[in-house]
Protein backbone atom coordinates (compact mmCIF):
# COMPACT_ATOMS: atom_id res chain seq x y z
CA MET A 1 12.23 -22.19 6.13
CA PHE A 2 8.54 -21.69 5.36
CA LYS A 3 7.44 -21.92 9.02
CA LYS A 4 9.35 -18.74 9.90
CA VAL A 5 7.95 -16.99 6.83
CA ILE A 6 4.41 -18.00 7.79
CA LYS A 7 4.92 -16.90 11.40
CA ASN A 8 6.39 -13.48 10.54
CA THR A 9 3.87 -12.93 7.76
CA SER A 10 1.08 -13.73 10.22
CA ILE A 11 2.42 -11.10 12.61
CA ILE A 12 2.39 -8.41 9.92
CA SER A 13 -0.98 -9.60 8.61
CA THR A 14 -2.47 -9.32 12.09
CA GLY A 15 -1.17 -5.78 12.48
CA THR A 16 -2.38 -4.93 9.01
CA LEU A 17 -5.80 -6.45 9.68
CA VAL A 18 -6.23 -4.37 12.84
CA SER A 19 -4.99 -1.26 11.02
CA ARG A 20 -7.25 -1.81 8.02
CA PHE A 21 -10.25 -2.55 10.22
CA LEU A 22 -9.68 0.71 12.04
CA GLY A 23 -9.07 2.30 8.63
CA PHE A 24 -12.50 1.20 7.48
CA ILE A 25 -14.04 2.74 10.57
CA ARG A 26 -12.10 5.90 9.77
CA ASP A 27 -13.32 5.91 6.17
CA ILE A 28 -16.90 5.20 7.24
CA LEU A 29 -16.72 8.21 9.54
CA ILE A 30 -15.21 10.34 6.77
CA ALA A 31 -17.90 9.18 4.34
CA ASN A 32 -20.59 9.94 6.91
CA PHE A 33 -19.22 13.43 7.65
CA PHE A 34 -18.12 14.44 4.14
CA GLY A 35 -19.69 12.13 1.48
CA THR A 36 -18.01 12.30 -1.95
CA THR A 37 -18.62 15.90 -3.04
CA SER A 38 -17.51 17.89 0.02
CA PRO A 39 -14.90 20.53 -0.96
CA ILE A 40 -13.18 19.93 2.41
CA LEU A 41 -12.68 16.24 1.65
CA GLU A 42 -11.61 16.78 -1.94
CA ALA A 43 -9.13 19.47 -0.84
CA PHE A 44 -7.75 17.12 1.82
CA LEU A 45 -7.35 14.22 -0.61
CA VAL A 46 -5.19 16.35 -2.88
CA ALA A 47 -3.26 17.89 0.02
CA PHE A 48 -2.52 14.54 1.64
CA ARG A 49 -1.53 13.00 -1.67
CA LEU A 50 1.17 15.60 -2.31
CA PRO A 51 3.43 14.82 0.69
CA ASN A 52 2.70 11.14 0.12
CA ILE A 53 4.43 11.42 -3.22
CA PHE A 54 7.68 12.35 -1.51
CA ARG A 55 6.92 9.91 1.30
CA SER A 56 6.80 6.98 -1.12
CA ILE A 57 10.06 8.14 -2.69
CA PHE A 58 12.12 9.05 0.35
CA ALA A 59 10.42 6.93 3.02
CA GLU A 60 8.85 3.59 2.04
CA GLY A 61 10.39 3.85 -1.43
CA PHE A 62 13.89 3.91 0.02
CA THR A 63 13.37 1.44 2.83
CA ASP A 64 11.60 -1.34 0.91
CA SER A 65 13.94 -1.28 -2.09
CA VAL A 66 17.29 -0.31 -0.57
CA ALA A 67 17.56 0.05 3.21
CA THR A 68 15.83 -3.18 4.27
CA PRO A 69 17.50 -5.54 1.74
CA VAL A 70 20.97 -4.04 2.30
CA LEU A 71 20.70 -3.85 6.10
CA SER A 72 19.37 -7.42 6.11
CA GLU A 73 22.76 -8.59 4.91
CA TYR A 74 24.09 -7.54 8.34
CA HIS A 75 21.34 -9.22 10.40
CA ASN A 76 24.01 -10.86 12.58
CA ASP A 77 25.87 -7.57 13.15
CA ARG A 78 23.53 -5.18 14.94
CA GLU A 79 26.27 -2.62 15.58
CA LYS A 80 26.68 -2.24 11.82
CA ILE A 81 22.92 -1.87 11.46
CA PHE A 82 22.83 0.80 14.18
CA SER A 83 25.79 2.83 12.86
CA THR A 84 24.44 2.77 9.29
CA GLY A 85 20.98 3.62 10.59
CA ASN A 86 22.27 6.69 12.42
CA HIS A 87 23.98 7.89 9.24
CA LEU A 88 20.70 7.38 7.35
CA LEU A 89 18.68 9.27 9.94
CA PHE A 90 21.03 12.23 9.69
CA VAL A 91 21.00 12.31 5.89
CA PHE A 92 17.24 11.92 5.70
CA PHE A 93 16.56 14.53 8.37
CA ILE A 94 18.43 17.12 6.28
CA LEU A 95 16.84 15.93 3.03
CA LEU A 96 13.26 15.67 4.29
CA THR A 97 13.39 18.96 6.16
CA SER A 98 14.42 20.64 2.91
CA PHE A 99 11.59 19.01 0.99
CA THR A 100 9.08 19.90 3.69
CA LEU A 101 10.03 23.59 3.58
CA LEU A 102 9.93 23.60 -0.23
CA GLY A 103 6.50 21.95 -0.12
CA VAL A 104 5.19 24.67 2.18
CA VAL A 105 6.63 27.49 0.06
CA PHE A 106 5.41 26.10 -3.28
CA SER A 107 2.12 24.58 -2.06
CA LYS A 108 0.03 26.80 -4.34
CA TYR A 109 1.84 25.65 -7.47
CA LEU A 110 1.77 22.00 -6.41
CA VAL A 111 -2.02 22.12 -6.06
CA LEU A 112 -2.30 23.79 -9.46
CA ALA A 113 -0.19 21.04 -10.99
CA PHE A 114 -1.96 18.10 -9.35
CA ALA A 115 -5.55 19.32 -9.39
CA PRO A 116 -5.90 21.92 -12.15
CA GLY A 117 -9.68 21.49 -12.07
CA TYR A 118 -9.74 23.03 -8.60
CA ALA A 119 -8.65 26.43 -9.96
CA SER A 120 -12.25 27.15 -10.97
CA ASN A 121 -13.42 26.79 -7.36
CA VAL A 122 -11.63 29.41 -5.23
CA TYR A 123 -12.81 28.02 -1.89
CA LYS A 124 -11.73 24.44 -2.65
CA PHE A 125 -8.42 25.58 -4.14
CA ASN A 126 -7.52 27.75 -1.13
CA LEU A 127 -8.43 24.91 1.22
CA ALA A 128 -6.15 22.53 -0.70
CA VAL A 129 -3.25 25.01 -0.49
CA SER A 130 -3.77 25.54 3.24
CA PHE A 131 -4.04 21.80 3.92
CA THR A 132 -0.91 21.08 1.86
CA LYS A 133 1.20 23.41 4.01
CA ILE A 134 0.19 21.46 7.11
CA THR A 135 0.36 17.90 5.77
CA PHE A 136 3.88 18.34 4.42
CA PHE A 137 5.19 18.13 8.00
CA TYR A 138 3.92 14.54 8.02
CA LEU A 139 6.56 13.80 5.36
CA LEU A 140 9.42 14.58 7.77
CA LEU A 141 7.96 12.51 10.59
CA ILE A 142 7.06 9.41 8.59
CA GLY A 143 10.33 9.54 6.63
CA LEU A 144 12.41 9.26 9.79
CA SER A 145 10.04 6.58 11.07
CA SER A 146 10.58 4.46 7.95
CA ILE A 147 14.37 4.39 8.50
CA ILE A 148 13.82 3.15 12.05
CA VAL A 149 11.36 0.52 10.80
CA SER A 150 13.89 -0.74 8.24
CA MET A 151 16.38 -1.33 11.06
CA LEU A 152 13.76 -3.34 12.95
CA TYR A 153 13.09 -5.43 9.83
CA ALA A 154 16.82 -6.10 9.43
CA LEU A 155 16.88 -7.31 13.04
CA LYS A 156 13.89 -9.53 12.17
CA LYS A 157 11.68 -7.67 14.63
CA PHE A 158 8.29 -7.55 12.93
CA VAL A 159 5.75 -6.82 15.67
CA VAL A 160 6.27 -3.07 16.06
CA PRO A 161 6.47 -2.36 12.29
CA ALA A 162 3.29 -4.42 11.85
CA PHE A 163 1.28 -2.33 14.31
CA ASN A 164 2.86 1.09 13.74
CA PRO A 165 0.43 2.16 10.94
CA ILE A 166 -2.46 1.79 13.38
CA PHE A 167 -1.70 5.23 14.81
CA LEU A 168 -2.94 6.96 11.66
CA ASN A 169 -6.38 5.46 12.24
CA ILE A 170 -6.31 5.75 16.02
CA THR A 171 -5.94 9.52 15.72
CA PHE A 172 -8.59 9.91 13.01
CA ILE A 173 -11.38 7.97 14.73
CA PRO A 174 -11.57 9.90 18.03
CA GLY A 175 -10.57 13.09 16.23
CA ILE A 176 -13.55 12.96 13.88
CA ILE A 177 -15.97 11.75 16.55
CA LEU A 178 -14.96 14.32 19.17
CA PHE A 179 -14.00 17.29 17.01
CA GLY A 180 -15.62 16.54 13.63
CA ASN A 181 -18.22 19.23 14.05
CA SER A 182 -16.32 21.90 15.96
CA LEU A 183 -13.12 21.61 13.87
CA LYS A 184 -14.67 20.23 10.69
CA THR A 185 -12.56 22.28 8.30
CA TYR A 186 -9.14 21.33 9.71
CA ILE A 187 -9.76 18.13 11.68
CA LEU A 188 -8.42 15.82 8.94
CA VAL A 189 -5.06 17.56 8.57
CA ILE A 190 -4.64 17.91 12.34
CA CYS A 191 -5.11 14.15 12.72
CA VAL A 192 -2.45 13.49 10.07
CA VAL A 193 0.23 15.49 11.91
CA VAL A 194 -0.57 13.94 15.31
CA ALA A 195 -0.40 10.47 13.74
CA GLY A 196 3.03 11.25 12.27
CA VAL A 197 4.42 12.09 15.72
CA LEU A 198 3.11 8.81 17.17
CA GLU A 199 4.38 6.77 14.19
CA LEU A 200 7.87 8.13 14.83
CA LEU A 201 8.01 7.69 18.61
CA PHE A 202 6.59 4.12 18.75
CA PRO A 203 9.25 2.34 16.62
CA LEU A 204 12.00 4.53 18.05
CA ALA A 205 11.14 3.31 21.55
CA ALA A 206 11.22 -0.30 20.31
CA LEU A 207 14.60 0.18 18.63
CA ARG A 208 16.05 1.74 21.76
CA ARG A 209 15.05 -1.41 23.65
CA GLU A 210 17.23 -3.34 21.19
CA GLY A 211 20.22 -1.22 22.25
CA PHE A 212 20.05 1.55 19.62
CA LYS A 213 21.31 4.99 20.66
CA LEU A 214 19.98 7.90 18.63
CA GLY A 215 22.86 10.09 17.49
CA LEU A 216 20.87 12.59 15.44
CA LEU A 217 21.30 15.57 17.79
CA TYR A 218 25.05 15.01 18.04
CA ARG A 219 25.34 14.80 14.25
CA LEU A 220 23.37 17.99 13.77
CA ARG A 221 25.69 19.82 16.17
CA HIS A 222 28.69 18.53 14.19
CA ILE A 223 27.03 18.78 10.82
CA PHE A 224 30.12 19.04 8.57
CA LYS A 225 31.88 16.13 10.25
CA SER A 226 28.66 14.10 10.05
CA PHE A 227 28.31 14.77 6.30
CA LYS A 228 31.85 13.50 5.75
CA GLU A 229 31.26 10.37 7.82
CA ALA A 230 27.95 9.60 6.13
CA PHE A 231 29.21 9.99 2.58
CA THR A 232 32.41 8.02 3.15
CA ASP A 233 30.45 5.07 4.54
CA SER A 234 30.60 2.44 1.78
CA THR A 235 27.22 1.01 2.76
CA ILE A 236 25.55 4.43 2.50
CA LEU A 237 27.15 5.04 -0.90
CA ARG A 238 25.98 1.65 -2.07
CA MET A 239 22.44 2.42 -0.95
CA LEU A 240 22.41 5.78 -2.68
CA LYS A 241 23.59 4.17 -5.91
CA LEU A 242 20.77 1.63 -5.75
CA PHE A 243 18.30 4.33 -4.79
CA LEU A 244 18.57 6.45 -7.92
CA PRO A 245 16.54 4.09 -10.19
CA ARG A 246 14.09 3.59 -7.32
CA ILE A 247 13.38 7.32 -7.31
CA TRP A 248 12.18 7.02 -10.88
CA SER A 249 9.94 4.05 -9.96
CA SER A 250 8.32 6.13 -7.23
CA ILE A 251 7.89 9.05 -9.59
CA ILE A 252 6.25 6.70 -12.10
CA TYR A 253 3.86 5.42 -9.46
CA HIS A 254 2.81 8.91 -8.52
CA LEU A 255 2.58 10.01 -12.10
CA ASN A 256 -0.08 7.31 -12.37
CA VAL A 257 -1.83 8.83 -9.36
CA PHE A 258 -1.24 12.27 -10.86
CA LEU A 259 -2.97 11.19 -14.07
CA ASP A 260 -5.94 9.82 -12.15
CA THR A 261 -6.16 13.03 -10.12
CA ILE A 262 -6.05 15.23 -13.22
CA PHE A 263 -8.60 13.13 -15.10
CA ALA A 264 -10.86 12.83 -12.04
CA SER A 265 -10.78 16.59 -11.49
CA LEU A 266 -12.26 17.05 -14.99
CA THR A 267 -15.78 16.66 -13.62
CA ARG A 268 -17.43 17.61 -16.92
CA ILE A 269 -16.17 14.29 -18.28
CA THR A 270 -15.81 11.98 -15.28
CA GLY A 271 -18.69 13.40 -13.24
CA ALA A 272 -18.95 15.05 -9.83
CA GLY A 273 -17.38 13.06 -7.00
CA ALA A 274 -14.99 11.11 -9.24
CA LEU A 275 -11.92 11.87 -7.13
CA ALA A 276 -13.57 10.80 -3.88
CA SER A 277 -14.99 7.65 -5.48
CA ILE A 278 -11.50 6.65 -6.61
CA TYR A 279 -10.28 7.22 -3.05
CA TYR A 280 -13.00 5.08 -1.46
CA ALA A 281 -12.70 2.26 -4.02
CA ASN A 282 -8.94 2.26 -3.74
CA ARG A 283 -9.20 1.99 0.05
CA LEU A 284 -11.13 -1.26 -0.37
CA ILE A 285 -8.73 -2.59 -2.98
CA GLN A 286 -5.81 -1.79 -0.70
CA PHE A 287 -7.25 -3.94 2.08
CA PRO A 288 -6.42 -7.40 0.63
CA PHE A 289 -3.29 -5.93 -0.99
CA ALA A 290 -1.99 -4.77 2.38
CA LEU A 291 -3.27 -7.74 4.37
CA ILE A 292 -1.61 -10.32 2.13
CA VAL A 293 1.07 -8.87 -0.12
CA LEU A 294 2.38 -6.05 2.04
CA ALA A 295 2.59 -8.59 4.86
CA ILE A 296 4.55 -11.08 2.75
CA ALA A 297 6.93 -8.61 1.08
CA PRO A 298 8.93 -7.29 4.08
CA VAL A 299 9.33 -10.81 5.44
CA VAL A 300 10.49 -12.53 2.25
CA ILE A 301 12.77 -9.70 1.14
CA VAL A 302 14.96 -10.35 4.20
CA ASP A 303 15.30 -14.04 3.26
CA PHE A 304 15.56 -13.30 -0.48
CA SER A 305 18.48 -10.97 0.23
CA THR A 306 20.21 -13.59 2.38
CA TYR A 307 19.74 -16.37 -0.19
CA HIS A 308 21.01 -14.15 -2.99
CA LYS A 309 24.12 -13.13 -1.03
CA GLU A 310 24.87 -16.76 -0.11
CA GLY A 311 24.19 -18.08 -3.63
CA ARG A 312 21.30 -20.31 -2.55
CA ASP A 313 19.45 -20.09 -5.87
CA GLU A 314 17.13 -23.06 -5.35
CA ASP A 315 15.98 -21.79 -1.95
CA PHE A 316 15.41 -18.40 -3.59
CA LYS A 317 13.14 -19.93 -6.25
CA ARG A 318 11.32 -22.15 -3.76
CA LEU A 319 10.50 -19.17 -1.58
CA LEU A 320 9.31 -17.20 -4.63
CA VAL A 321 6.98 -20.03 -5.71
CA PHE A 322 5.68 -20.44 -2.15
CA SER A 323 4.99 -16.70 -1.93
CA PHE A 324 3.13 -16.71 -5.26
CA GLN A 325 1.02 -19.67 -4.21
CA ASN A 326 -0.10 -17.78 -1.13
CA VAL A 327 -0.96 -14.69 -3.18
CA ILE A 328 -3.04 -16.86 -5.53
CA PHE A 329 -4.77 -18.65 -2.65
CA PHE A 330 -5.88 -15.47 -0.92
CA ILE A 331 -6.25 -12.86 -3.67
CA VAL A 332 -8.08 -14.72 -6.45
CA PRO A 333 -11.18 -15.60 -4.32
CA ILE A 334 -11.30 -12.07 -2.87
CA ALA A 335 -11.04 -10.53 -6.34
CA SER A 336 -13.86 -12.75 -7.58
CA ILE A 337 -16.22 -11.64 -4.80
CA PHE A 338 -15.27 -8.00 -5.40
CA ILE A 339 -16.08 -8.39 -9.10
CA PHE A 340 -19.47 -10.09 -8.56
CA ILE A 341 -20.84 -7.85 -5.77
CA PRO A 342 -19.08 -4.45 -5.90
CA ASP A 343 -22.33 -2.59 -5.29
CA ALA A 344 -23.11 -4.68 -2.21
CA ILE A 345 -19.69 -4.09 -0.66
CA ILE A 346 -19.79 -0.34 -1.25
CA ASP A 347 -23.35 -0.19 0.06
CA VAL A 348 -22.51 -2.01 3.30
CA VAL A 349 -19.23 -0.24 3.99
CA PHE A 350 -19.83 3.35 2.91
CA LYS A 351 -23.52 4.13 2.32
CA HIS A 352 -24.26 6.33 5.33
CA GLY A 353 -25.06 9.99 5.91
CA GLU A 354 -23.82 12.11 2.99
CA PHE A 355 -22.84 9.03 0.97
CA THR A 356 -25.88 8.92 -1.33
CA ASP A 357 -27.16 6.57 -4.06
CA ILE A 358 -25.23 8.64 -6.60
CA SER A 359 -22.05 8.17 -4.56
CA LEU A 360 -22.81 4.43 -4.42
CA SER A 361 -23.21 4.16 -8.18
CA ILE A 362 -19.99 6.02 -8.99
CA THR A 363 -17.86 4.23 -6.40
CA SER A 364 -19.22 0.76 -7.31
CA SER A 365 -18.19 1.25 -10.93
CA VAL A 366 -14.67 2.30 -9.95
CA PHE A 367 -14.38 -0.56 -7.45
CA PHE A 368 -15.47 -3.14 -10.06
CA PHE A 369 -12.84 -2.08 -12.59
CA TYR A 370 -10.08 -1.89 -9.97
CA SER A 371 -10.98 -5.43 -8.89
CA LEU A 372 -10.29 -6.78 -12.38
CA GLY A 373 -6.61 -5.98 -11.92
CA LEU A 374 -6.29 -6.81 -8.21
CA PHE A 375 -4.35 -10.06 -8.64
CA PHE A 376 -1.86 -8.48 -11.04
CA THR A 377 -1.38 -5.48 -8.76
CA CYS A 378 -0.52 -7.85 -5.91
CA ALA A 379 1.73 -10.04 -8.05
CA ILE A 380 3.65 -6.97 -9.26
CA LYS A 381 4.55 -6.09 -5.67
CA LEU A 382 5.96 -9.57 -5.10
CA LEU A 383 7.99 -9.47 -8.34
CA VAL A 384 9.32 -6.00 -7.57
CA THR A 385 10.35 -7.19 -4.09
CA THR A 386 12.25 -10.04 -5.75
CA PHE A 387 14.17 -7.62 -7.96
CA TYR A 388 15.03 -5.41 -4.99
CA SER A 389 16.49 -8.39 -3.15
CA LEU A 390 18.67 -8.99 -6.22
CA LYS A 391 19.84 -5.37 -5.82
CA ASP A 392 18.20 -4.54 -9.16
CA THR A 393 16.20 -1.33 -8.94
CA LYS A 394 16.44 -0.52 -12.66
CA THR A 395 14.20 -3.21 -14.14
CA PRO A 396 11.07 -2.32 -12.10
CA ALA A 397 11.61 1.32 -13.08
CA LYS A 398 11.73 0.43 -16.78
CA THR A 399 8.60 -1.74 -16.77
CA ALA A 400 6.71 0.81 -14.67
CA THR A 401 7.50 3.47 -17.27
CA VAL A 402 5.93 1.39 -20.03
CA ALA A 403 2.89 0.71 -17.82
CA LEU A 404 2.53 4.44 -17.08
CA ILE A 405 2.32 5.28 -20.76
CA ALA A 406 -0.26 2.54 -21.28
CA ASN A 407 -2.28 3.76 -18.30
CA GLY A 408 -2.31 7.35 -19.55
CA ILE A 409 -3.48 6.37 -23.03
CA LEU A 410 -6.12 3.90 -21.85
CA SER A 411 -7.49 6.19 -19.12
CA ALA A 412 -7.76 9.13 -21.53
CA ILE A 413 -9.80 6.95 -23.89
CA LEU A 414 -11.90 4.97 -21.39
CA MET A 415 -12.99 7.90 -19.19
CA PHE A 416 -15.33 9.11 -21.94
CA PRO A 417 -17.60 6.03 -22.09
CA LEU A 418 -17.01 4.78 -18.51
CA LYS A 419 -16.36 8.08 -16.65
CA ALA A 420 -14.49 7.45 -13.35
CA GLY A 421 -14.69 3.69 -13.95
CA GLY A 422 -12.61 4.15 -17.10
CA LEU A 423 -9.73 5.48 -15.01
CA ALA A 424 -9.82 2.35 -12.85
CA LEU A 425 -9.99 0.07 -15.90
CA GLY A 426 -7.00 1.84 -17.45
CA THR A 427 -5.04 1.24 -14.24
CA SER A 428 -5.98 -2.45 -14.19
CA CYS A 429 -4.97 -3.00 -17.81
CA ALA A 430 -1.64 -1.30 -17.19
CA ALA A 431 -1.07 -3.60 -14.18
CA VAL A 432 -1.53 -6.67 -16.39
CA LEU A 433 1.07 -5.34 -18.83
CA ASN A 434 3.52 -4.48 -16.05
CA PHE A 435 3.20 -7.96 -14.52
CA PHE A 436 4.10 -9.79 -17.73
CA LEU A 437 7.02 -7.45 -18.45
CA LEU A 438 8.42 -7.99 -14.95
CA TYR A 439 7.98 -11.75 -15.07
CA ARG A 440 9.73 -12.05 -18.43
CA ALA A 441 12.64 -9.99 -17.09
CA LEU A 442 12.86 -12.10 -13.93
CA ILE A 443 13.08 -15.35 -15.89
CA ARG A 444 15.93 -13.90 -17.93
CA ARG A 445 17.67 -12.98 -14.67
CA ILE A 446 17.30 -16.11 -12.51
CA GLY A 447 16.41 -18.82 -15.03
CA ALA A 448 13.40 -21.11 -15.34
CA ILE A 449 11.07 -21.63 -12.37
CA GLU A 450 9.06 -24.78 -11.69
CA TRP A 451 5.38 -23.79 -11.77
CA GLU A 452 3.63 -27.12 -12.47
CA ASP A 453 2.14 -27.51 -9.01
CA THR A 454 1.19 -23.82 -8.97
CA LYS A 455 -0.63 -24.08 -12.31
CA GLN A 456 -2.82 -26.89 -10.99
CA GLN A 457 -3.57 -24.89 -7.86
CA LEU A 458 -4.43 -21.80 -9.94
CA ILE A 459 -6.99 -23.71 -12.06
CA ARG A 460 -8.70 -25.10 -8.96
CA ILE A 461 -8.68 -21.72 -7.22
CA ILE A 462 -10.22 -19.97 -10.25
CA LEU A 463 -13.06 -22.51 -10.47
CA VAL A 464 -13.81 -22.29 -6.75
CA SER A 465 -13.60 -18.50 -6.86
CA LEU A 466 -16.16 -18.30 -9.66
CA LEU A 467 -18.54 -20.38 -7.55
CA LEU A 468 -17.96 -18.06 -4.61
CA GLY A 469 -18.71 -15.01 -6.74
CA LEU A 470 -21.90 -16.53 -8.16
CA LEU A 471 -23.07 -17.56 -4.69
CA ALA A 472 -22.39 -14.08 -3.32
CA ARG A 473 -24.32 -12.44 -6.17
CA PHE A 474 -27.25 -14.83 -5.84
CA LEU A 475 -27.55 -14.26 -2.09
CA TRP A 476 -27.28 -10.48 -2.37
CA LEU A 477 -30.09 -10.33 -4.95
CA ASN A 478 -32.38 -12.78 -3.17
CA LEU A 479 -31.87 -12.14 0.55
CA HIS A 480 -34.44 -9.50 1.41
CA LEU A 481 -32.97 -8.71 4.79
CA ASN A 482 -31.14 -5.90 6.52
CA LYS A 483 -28.03 -5.23 4.40
CA TYR A 484 -25.66 -5.94 7.28
CA LEU A 485 -27.34 -9.26 8.06
CA SER A 486 -27.25 -10.15 4.35
CA ALA A 487 -23.55 -9.30 4.22
CA ALA A 488 -22.87 -11.52 7.26
CA ILE A 489 -24.76 -14.45 5.68
CA ILE A 490 -22.86 -13.99 2.41
CA ALA A 491 -19.52 -13.87 4.23
CA PHE A 492 -20.17 -17.02 6.26
CA SER A 493 -21.65 -18.88 3.28
CA CYS A 494 -18.71 -18.06 1.02
CA ALA A 495 -16.19 -18.89 3.74
CA GLY A 496 -17.89 -22.24 4.39
CA LEU A 497 -18.06 -23.12 0.69
CA PHE A 498 -14.43 -22.13 0.18
CA ALA A 499 -13.24 -24.16 3.19
CA GLY A 500 -15.29 -27.22 2.17
CA LEU A 501 -14.25 -27.22 -1.49
CA GLY A 502 -10.69 -26.29 -0.56
CA LEU A 503 -10.29 -29.28 1.73
CA LEU A 504 -11.95 -31.53 -0.86
CA LEU A 505 -9.55 -30.27 -3.54
CA LYS A 506 -6.62 -30.43 -1.08
CA PHE A 507 -5.53 -26.79 -1.06
CA LYS A 508 -2.20 -26.85 0.77
CA GLN A 509 -2.88 -23.74 2.82
CA LEU A 510 -6.11 -25.20 4.23
CA LEU A 511 -4.40 -28.52 4.93
CA TYR A 512 -1.75 -26.61 6.93
CA VAL A 513 -4.50 -24.95 8.97
CA LYS A 514 -6.24 -28.30 9.51
CA GLN A 515 -3.02 -29.93 10.72
CA TRP A 516 -2.33 -26.99 13.04
CA ILE A 517 -5.82 -27.24 14.58
CA LEU A 518 -5.51 -31.00 15.06
CA LYS A 519 -2.13 -30.57 16.78
CA LYS A 520 -3.63 -27.99 19.14
CA LYS A 521 -6.28 -30.53 20.14
């Protein structure tokens, strides 16, 4: 059971690693061209965030919580997957087109709502409105793409979904290099739209190779008949019923982002460049989150859904424990290094061109406080995935609501002494609260889980991680070398120490790797 999980997770992790590596190059280029205080960048960040709100609700929000787990129940019946998928594509084309047009029409008011601080800067405000009108078309493209990706997941085809996000970075990198100067004002939004087209065509081509025939044009020509067919399909109705609480969860998530955006735009309190510093720090935090947790989640949710449908409760719990152990193994050491050397990481990755010492100081503070909650943020995703496989979309929505309130209160208080860092600390504290609420609810739902072996692993991982963090800090302060060479030495030293102590303490994941290497020989 676990071999297939490891294999499929590795596929998604590889795609994510390539995507995130290219994403770092993209962000380095953006930092070099725009720094943290450029009105073009700050306008783009708001404009791109707005369609992403609806994207997370109607695209990834729907597919990860509803479409993938429900379609996975029919993994042996591809015709059912294809017919349901065509109904979904029709419904979502109508829905997303409507939202896109509304976003264009009301772009001015959306920017006012999400970045009220921009109203005092006419140039930045007008840029944000203009950018929003363009980026909303990305919503339509990526929404349709996500439905296609969910069908591939249900068919247990993970390669194309794993590498599809790469297109967003592939378009940005040459776009900025080749046209960054000549089209500096609009290059970022142009790249977004081009990426959306590629992210739609790539998985569609893969699905067609599996035998899928796109019926969207036929359904649009027979729109009334298609509406009737779609809304009399019992599977579609079941999905829509499950989706309603998920909408609230997505709204809650973006209300958290909305709060951060509002607070960060209050530059008299949080300081100039707060919004950009949150963006850059969050990009780094998202790297291990995506590489590990977002790679595990789409793989295990397929098996979780199958086990739940077949009543295999013990297999369900075993897979949950195994997934948690892997999150602990990877995330805790990474979080420790982030906490001990946030300034070093920001310096090496982003400090170029317009990214000054002031930018470094602000972003390092935000990155440090985000890192404190990294493990809990990752664990929340795994718990939420578990609830979705149980066809429970209400519980995550309820706990997220409580966490939102806590985040708003804490951020409003902490931003005064800690500025932008206070917003990150408020988010981390809210993540801790959300984790414990979700875990308590899960135990009530599925019963007790055996954690004894995991507890022992956690203690050993924490001790080793502290040593890694201390070593990284010591080397950064005492290696008087080029910063990139110092970073390489720190990386290799920490990796060597972790591997050595891990084998000595018999970490299961390292023993698996050791056995695999020995078999290859």
